[in-house]
Amino acid sequence: MIVTARQHGYDPQILQAVEDVNEKQKELLAYKIIHYFKDKGGLNDKIIGIWGLSFKPNTDDMREAPSCLIVEKLILEGAKIQAFDPVAIKSAKAVFGDNSHITYFDNAYEALQGADALALITEWNLFRNPDFEKIKSLLRRPVIFDGRNQYEPKELKERGFEYFGIGR
């Protein structure tokens, strides 16, 4: 709509403001992760397990997917990525190319083995009710960054996790 408005001589200020806010939201999860690890030696050699790469559930579409920006920022900070997505791995490989900092897995839990944290990016149904005890046993630290506010903070705290959502 922004492009069309400009093509017709209009200045779509409100639409542009919405677009700017949406772009900032994509960065927010990455900054929460970076900030958390800042006083823990930074992200150098840390492993972040990522659940969900596609733009939205039930698609392999990576166009404008938040994962693209998040993964890029984490890698720039020195992180290694262990990623799982039910259908978008092939599309993600096309986007990220042959990147030695990213390892893809065919199983959500395998992507968490030895990771320093879990970052939920796309809200696939299969991530709604995970085995939190299994997650805790696989992670080096019981830390979850929930980019979709899918999990209940109080429940995770009671289970011994550090939990970071968006806007919570």
C-alpha atoms as a PDB file:
ATOM      1  CA  MET A   1       0.000   0.000   0.000  1.00  0.00           C
ATOM      2  CA  ILE A   2       2.889   2.347   0.780  1.00  0.00           C
ATOM      3  CA  VAL A   3       4.395   1.890  -2.679  1.00  0.00           C
ATOM      4  CA  THR A   4       1.017   2.342  -4.370  1.00  0.00           C
ATOM      5  CA  ALA A   5       0.291   5.510  -2.375  1.00  0.00           C
ATOM      6  CA  ARG A   6       3.646   6.993  -3.349  1.00  0.00           C
ATOM      7  CA  GLN A   7       3.121   6.068  -6.994  1.00  0.00           C
ATOM      8  CA  HIS A   8      -0.063   8.155  -6.883  1.00  0.00           C
ATOM      9  CA  GLY A   9       1.585  11.147  -5.241  1.00  0.00           C
ATOM     10  CA  TYR A  10       0.447  10.551  -1.667  1.00  0.00           C
ATOM     11  CA  ASP A  11       2.665  10.597   1.407  1.00  0.00           C
ATOM     12  CA  PRO A  12       1.432   7.599   3.453  1.00  0.00           C
ATOM     13  CA  GLN A  13       2.722   8.806   6.831  1.00  0.00           C
ATOM     14  CA  ILE A  14       0.443   6.617   8.957  1.00  0.00           C
ATOM     15  CA  LEU A  15       1.158   3.511   6.895  1.00  0.00           C
ATOM     16  CA  GLN A  16       4.871   4.247   7.061  1.00  0.00           C
ATOM     17  CA  ALA A  17       4.664   4.674  10.842  1.00  0.00           C
ATOM     18  CA  VAL A  18       2.951   1.274  11.143  1.00  0.00           C
ATOM     19  CA  GLU A  19       5.645  -0.287   8.948  1.00  0.00           C
ATOM     20  CA  ASP A  20       8.383   1.284  11.094  1.00  0.00           C
ATOM     21  CA  VAL A  21       6.815  -0.071  14.307  1.00  0.00           C
ATOM     22  CA  ASN A  22       6.500  -3.540  12.769  1.00  0.00           C
ATOM     23  CA  GLU A  23      10.183  -3.502  11.820  1.00  0.00           C
ATOM     24  CA  LYS A  24      11.179  -2.458  15.371  1.00  0.00           C
ATOM     25  CA  GLN A  25       9.101  -5.341  16.777  1.00  0.00           C
ATOM     26  CA  LYS A  26      11.156  -7.808  14.725  1.00  0.00           C
ATOM     27  CA  GLU A  27      14.336  -6.462  16.310  1.00  0.00           C
ATOM     28  CA  LEU A  28      12.973  -6.540  19.860  1.00  0.00           C
ATOM     29  CA  LEU A  29      13.446 -10.267  20.446  1.00  0.00           C
ATOM     30  CA  ALA A  30      17.024 -10.151  19.170  1.00  0.00           C
ATOM     31  CA  TYR A  31      17.810  -7.226  21.461  1.00  0.00           C
ATOM     32  CA  LYS A  32      16.299  -9.033  24.460  1.00  0.00           C
ATOM     33  CA  ILE A  33      18.565 -12.009  23.787  1.00  0.00           C
ATOM     34  CA  ILE A  34      21.638  -9.824  23.235  1.00  0.00           C
ATOM     35  CA  HIS A  35      20.924  -7.844  26.411  1.00  0.00           C
ATOM     36  CA  TYR A  36      20.396 -11.001  28.507  1.00  0.00           C
ATOM     37  CA  PHE A  37      23.777 -12.428  27.514  1.00  0.00           C
ATOM     38  CA  LYS A  38      25.628  -9.101  27.727  1.00  0.00           C
ATOM     39  CA  ASP A  39      26.747  -9.661  31.340  1.00  0.00           C
ATOM     40  CA  LYS A  40      27.285 -13.391  30.719  1.00  0.00           C
ATOM     41  CA  GLY A  41      30.215 -12.943  28.359  1.00  0.00           C
ATOM     42  CA  GLY A  42      28.125 -11.886  25.375  1.00  0.00           C
ATOM     43  CA  LEU A  43      26.837 -14.171  22.655  1.00  0.00           C
ATOM     44  CA  ASN A  44      30.256 -15.302  21.480  1.00  0.00           C
ATOM     45  CA  ASP A  45      30.105 -19.102  21.302  1.00  0.00           C
ATOM     46  CA  LYS A  46      26.594 -19.188  22.780  1.00  0.00           C
ATOM     47  CA  ILE A  47      24.048 -21.409  21.091  1.00  0.00           C
ATOM     48  CA  ILE A  48      20.489 -20.227  20.577  1.00  0.00           C
ATOM     49  CA  GLY A  49      17.889 -22.862  19.767  1.00  0.00           C
ATOM     50  CA  ILE A  50      15.273 -21.389  17.468  1.00  0.00           C
ATOM     51  CA  TRP A  51      11.784 -22.735  16.960  1.00  0.00           C
ATOM     52  CA  GLY A  52      10.104 -21.371  13.860  1.00  0.00           C
ATOM     53  CA  LEU A  53      11.721 -19.711  10.868  1.00  0.00           C
ATOM     54  CA  SER A  54       8.825 -19.012   8.510  1.00  0.00           C
ATOM     55  CA  PHE A  55       6.907 -15.738   8.320  1.00  0.00           C
ATOM     56  CA  LYS A  56       3.843 -17.420   9.830  1.00  0.00           C
ATOM     57  CA  PRO A  57       2.702 -20.938  10.718  1.00  0.00           C
ATOM     58  CA  ASN A  58       1.633 -23.428   8.058  1.00  0.00           C
ATOM     59  CA  THR A  59       3.866 -21.987   5.346  1.00  0.00           C
ATOM     60  CA  ASP A  60       7.458 -22.135   4.208  1.00  0.00           C
ATOM     61  CA  ASP A  61       7.364 -18.439   3.249  1.00  0.00           C
ATOM     62  CA  MET A  62      10.464 -16.633   4.489  1.00  0.00           C
ATOM     63  CA  ARG A  63       9.696 -13.243   2.901  1.00  0.00           C
ATOM     64  CA  GLU A  64       9.901 -10.615   5.650  1.00  0.00           C
ATOM     65  CA  ALA A  65      10.086 -13.339   8.307  1.00  0.00           C
ATOM     66  CA  PRO A  66      11.241 -11.976  11.689  1.00  0.00           C
ATOM     67  CA  SER A  67      13.660 -14.894  11.908  1.00  0.00           C
ATOM     68  CA  CYS A  68      15.774 -13.400   9.107  1.00  0.00           C
ATOM     69  CA  LEU A  69      16.569 -10.264  11.083  1.00  0.00           C
ATOM     70  CA  ILE A  70      16.814 -12.057  14.439  1.00  0.00           C
ATOM     71  CA  VAL A  71      19.197 -14.764  13.201  1.00  0.00           C
ATOM     72  CA  GLU A  72      21.331 -12.185  11.391  1.00  0.00           C
ATOM     73  CA  LYS A  73      21.686  -9.999  14.505  1.00  0.00           C
ATOM     74  CA  LEU A  74      22.484 -12.945  16.779  1.00  0.00           C
ATOM     75  CA  ILE A  75      25.147 -14.254  14.404  1.00  0.00           C
ATOM     76  CA  LEU A  76      26.712 -10.793  14.170  1.00  0.00           C
ATOM     77  CA  GLU A  77      27.027 -10.906  17.973  1.00  0.00           C
ATOM     78  CA  GLY A  78      28.839 -14.250  17.765  1.00  0.00           C
ATOM     79  CA  ALA A  79      25.994 -16.708  18.423  1.00  0.00           C
ATOM     80  CA  LYS A  80      25.572 -20.090  16.827  1.00  0.00           C
ATOM     81  CA  ILE A  81      22.035 -21.033  15.785  1.00  0.00           C
ATOM     82  CA  GLN A  82      20.354 -24.428  16.050  1.00  0.00           C
ATOM     83  CA  ALA A  83      17.080 -24.083  14.160  1.00  0.00           C
ATOM     84  CA  PHE A  84      13.929 -26.078  13.627  1.00  0.00           C
ATOM     85  CA  ASP A  85      10.884 -25.303  11.517  1.00  0.00           C
ATOM     86  CA  PRO A  86       8.322 -27.924  10.459  1.00  0.00           C
ATOM     87  CA  VAL A  87       8.354 -26.922   6.763  1.00  0.00           C
ATOM     88  CA  ALA A  88      10.581 -23.889   6.109  1.00  0.00           C
ATOM     89  CA  ILE A  89      14.070 -25.326   6.494  1.00  0.00           C
ATOM     90  CA  LYS A  90      14.636 -25.591   2.730  1.00  0.00           C
ATOM     91  CA  SER A  91      13.412 -22.002   2.260  1.00  0.00           C
ATOM     92  CA  ALA A  92      15.558 -20.823   5.178  1.00  0.00           C
ATOM     93  CA  LYS A  93      18.642 -22.424   3.637  1.00  0.00           C
ATOM     94  CA  ALA A  94      17.929 -20.497   0.441  1.00  0.00           C
ATOM     95  CA  VAL A  95      17.715 -17.252   2.446  1.00  0.00           C
ATOM     96  CA  PHE A  96      20.704 -17.784   4.746  1.00  0.00           C
ATOM     97  CA  GLY A  97      22.871 -19.620   2.250  1.00  0.00           C
ATOM     98  CA  ASP A  98      25.732 -21.826   3.354  1.00  0.00           C
ATOM     99  CA  ASN A  99      26.214 -20.294   6.789  1.00  0.00           C
ATOM    100  CA  SER A 100      28.452 -22.233   9.179  1.00  0.00           C
ATOM    101  CA  HIS A 101      26.805 -20.504  12.152  1.00  0.00           C
ATOM    102  CA  ILE A 102      23.428 -22.183  11.493  1.00  0.00           C
ATOM    103  CA  THR A 103      22.628 -25.848  11.986  1.00  0.00           C
ATOM    104  CA  TYR A 104      19.183 -27.127  10.992  1.00  0.00           C
ATOM    105  CA  PHE A 105      17.358 -29.961  12.708  1.00  0.00           C
ATOM    106  CA  ASP A 106      14.455 -32.220  11.752  1.00  0.00           C
ATOM    107  CA  ASN A 107      13.197 -32.335  15.336  1.00  0.00           C
ATOM    108  CA  ALA A 108      12.300 -29.411  17.616  1.00  0.00           C
ATOM    109  CA  TYR A 109      13.890 -30.910  20.711  1.00  0.00           C
ATOM    110  CA  GLU A 110      17.120 -31.869  18.919  1.00  0.00           C
ATOM    111  CA  ALA A 111      17.554 -28.180  18.064  1.00  0.00           C
ATOM    112  CA  LEU A 112      17.732 -27.438  21.800  1.00  0.00           C
ATOM    113  CA  GLN A 113      20.430 -29.976  22.707  1.00  0.00           C
ATOM    114  CA  GLY A 114      23.215 -28.001  24.406  1.00  0.00           C
ATOM    115  CA  ALA A 115      21.670 -24.620  23.558  1.00  0.00           C
ATOM    116  CA  ASP A 116      21.991 -21.695  25.966  1.00  0.00           C
ATOM    117  CA  ALA A 117      18.397 -20.579  25.363  1.00  0.00           C
ATOM    118  CA  LEU A 118      15.257 -21.236  23.336  1.00  0.00           C
ATOM    119  CA  ALA A 119      13.861 -18.477  21.130  1.00  0.00           C
ATOM    120  CA  LEU A 120      10.327 -19.079  19.875  1.00  0.00           C
ATOM    121  CA  ILE A 121       9.835 -17.039  16.704  1.00  0.00           C
ATOM    122  CA  THR A 122       6.936 -18.592  14.769  1.00  0.00           C
ATOM    123  CA  GLU A 123       3.859 -19.832  16.628  1.00  0.00           C
ATOM    124  CA  TRP A 124       3.385 -23.245  15.046  1.00  0.00           C
ATOM    125  CA  ASN A 125       0.716 -25.347  16.802  1.00  0.00           C
ATOM    126  CA  LEU A 126       3.272 -28.011  17.661  1.00  0.00           C
ATOM    127  CA  PHE A 127       5.055 -25.462  19.907  1.00  0.00           C
ATOM    128  CA  ARG A 128       1.908 -24.637  21.933  1.00  0.00           C
ATOM    129  CA  ASN A 129       2.217 -27.362  24.566  1.00  0.00           C
ATOM    130  CA  PRO A 130       5.807 -28.568  24.585  1.00  0.00           C
ATOM    131  CA  ASP A 131       7.397 -30.854  27.145  1.00  0.00           C
ATOM    132  CA  PHE A 132       8.937 -28.161  29.356  1.00  0.00           C
ATOM    133  CA  GLU A 133      10.817 -30.692  31.489  1.00  0.00           C
ATOM    134  CA  LYS A 134      12.445 -32.074  28.360  1.00  0.00           C
ATOM    135  CA  ILE A 135      13.282 -28.535  27.213  1.00  0.00           C
ATOM    136  CA  LYS A 136      14.852 -27.808  30.598  1.00  0.00           C
ATOM    137  CA  SER A 137      16.933 -30.979  30.442  1.00  0.00           C
ATOM    138  CA  LEU A 138      18.257 -30.148  26.964  1.00  0.00           C
ATOM    139  CA  LEU A 139      19.162 -26.488  27.507  1.00  0.00           C
ATOM    140  CA  ARG A 140      22.366 -25.417  29.245  1.00  0.00           C
ATOM    141  CA  ARG A 141      20.296 -22.684  30.904  1.00  0.00           C
ATOM    142  CA  PRO A 142      16.539 -22.793  31.483  1.00  0.00           C
ATOM    143  CA  VAL A 143      15.857 -19.623  29.461  1.00  0.00           C
ATOM    144  CA  ILE A 144      13.023 -19.002  27.008  1.00  0.00           C
ATOM    145  CA  PHE A 145      12.606 -15.947  24.785  1.00  0.00           C
ATOM    146  CA  ASP A 146       9.015 -16.067  23.582  1.00  0.00           C
ATOM    147  CA  GLY A 147       8.563 -13.849  20.545  1.00  0.00           C
ATOM    148  CA  ARG A 148       4.873 -14.758  20.286  1.00  0.00           C
ATOM    149  CA  ASN A 149       3.821 -14.547  23.977  1.00  0.00           C
ATOM    150  CA  GLN A 150       2.656 -18.111  23.606  1.00  0.00           C
ATOM    151  CA  TYR A 151       3.664 -19.311  27.061  1.00  0.00           C
ATOM    152  CA  GLU A 152       2.444 -18.320  30.496  1.00  0.00           C
ATOM    153  CA  PRO A 153       5.241 -16.471  32.375  1.00  0.00           C
ATOM    154  CA  LYS A 154       4.043 -17.516  35.841  1.00  0.00           C
ATOM    155  CA  GLU A 155       3.923 -21.198  34.873  1.00  0.00           C
ATOM    156  CA  LEU A 156       7.427 -21.105  33.418  1.00  0.00           C
ATOM    157  CA  LYS A 157       8.817 -19.324  36.451  1.00  0.00           C
ATOM    158  CA  GLU A 158       7.279 -22.031  38.669  1.00  0.00           C
ATOM    159  CA  ARG A 159       8.993 -24.644  36.476  1.00  0.00           C
ATOM    160  CA  GLY A 160      12.341 -22.924  37.030  1.00  0.00           C
ATOM    161  CA  PHE A 161      12.701 -21.050  33.736  1.00  0.00           C
ATOM    162  CA  GLU A 162      13.757 -17.494  33.098  1.00  0.00           C
ATOM    163  CA  TYR A 163      11.098 -16.200  30.708  1.00  0.00           C
ATOM    164  CA  PHE A 164      11.148 -13.189  28.411  1.00  0.00           C
ATOM    165  CA  GLY A 165       8.134 -12.297  26.304  1.00  0.00           C
ATOM    166  CA  ILE A 166       7.314  -9.285  24.216  1.00  0.00           C
ATOM    167  CA  GLY A 167       5.714  -6.397  26.076  1.00  0.00           C
ATOM    168  CA  ARG A 168       5.581  -8.327  29.346  1.00  0.00           C
END
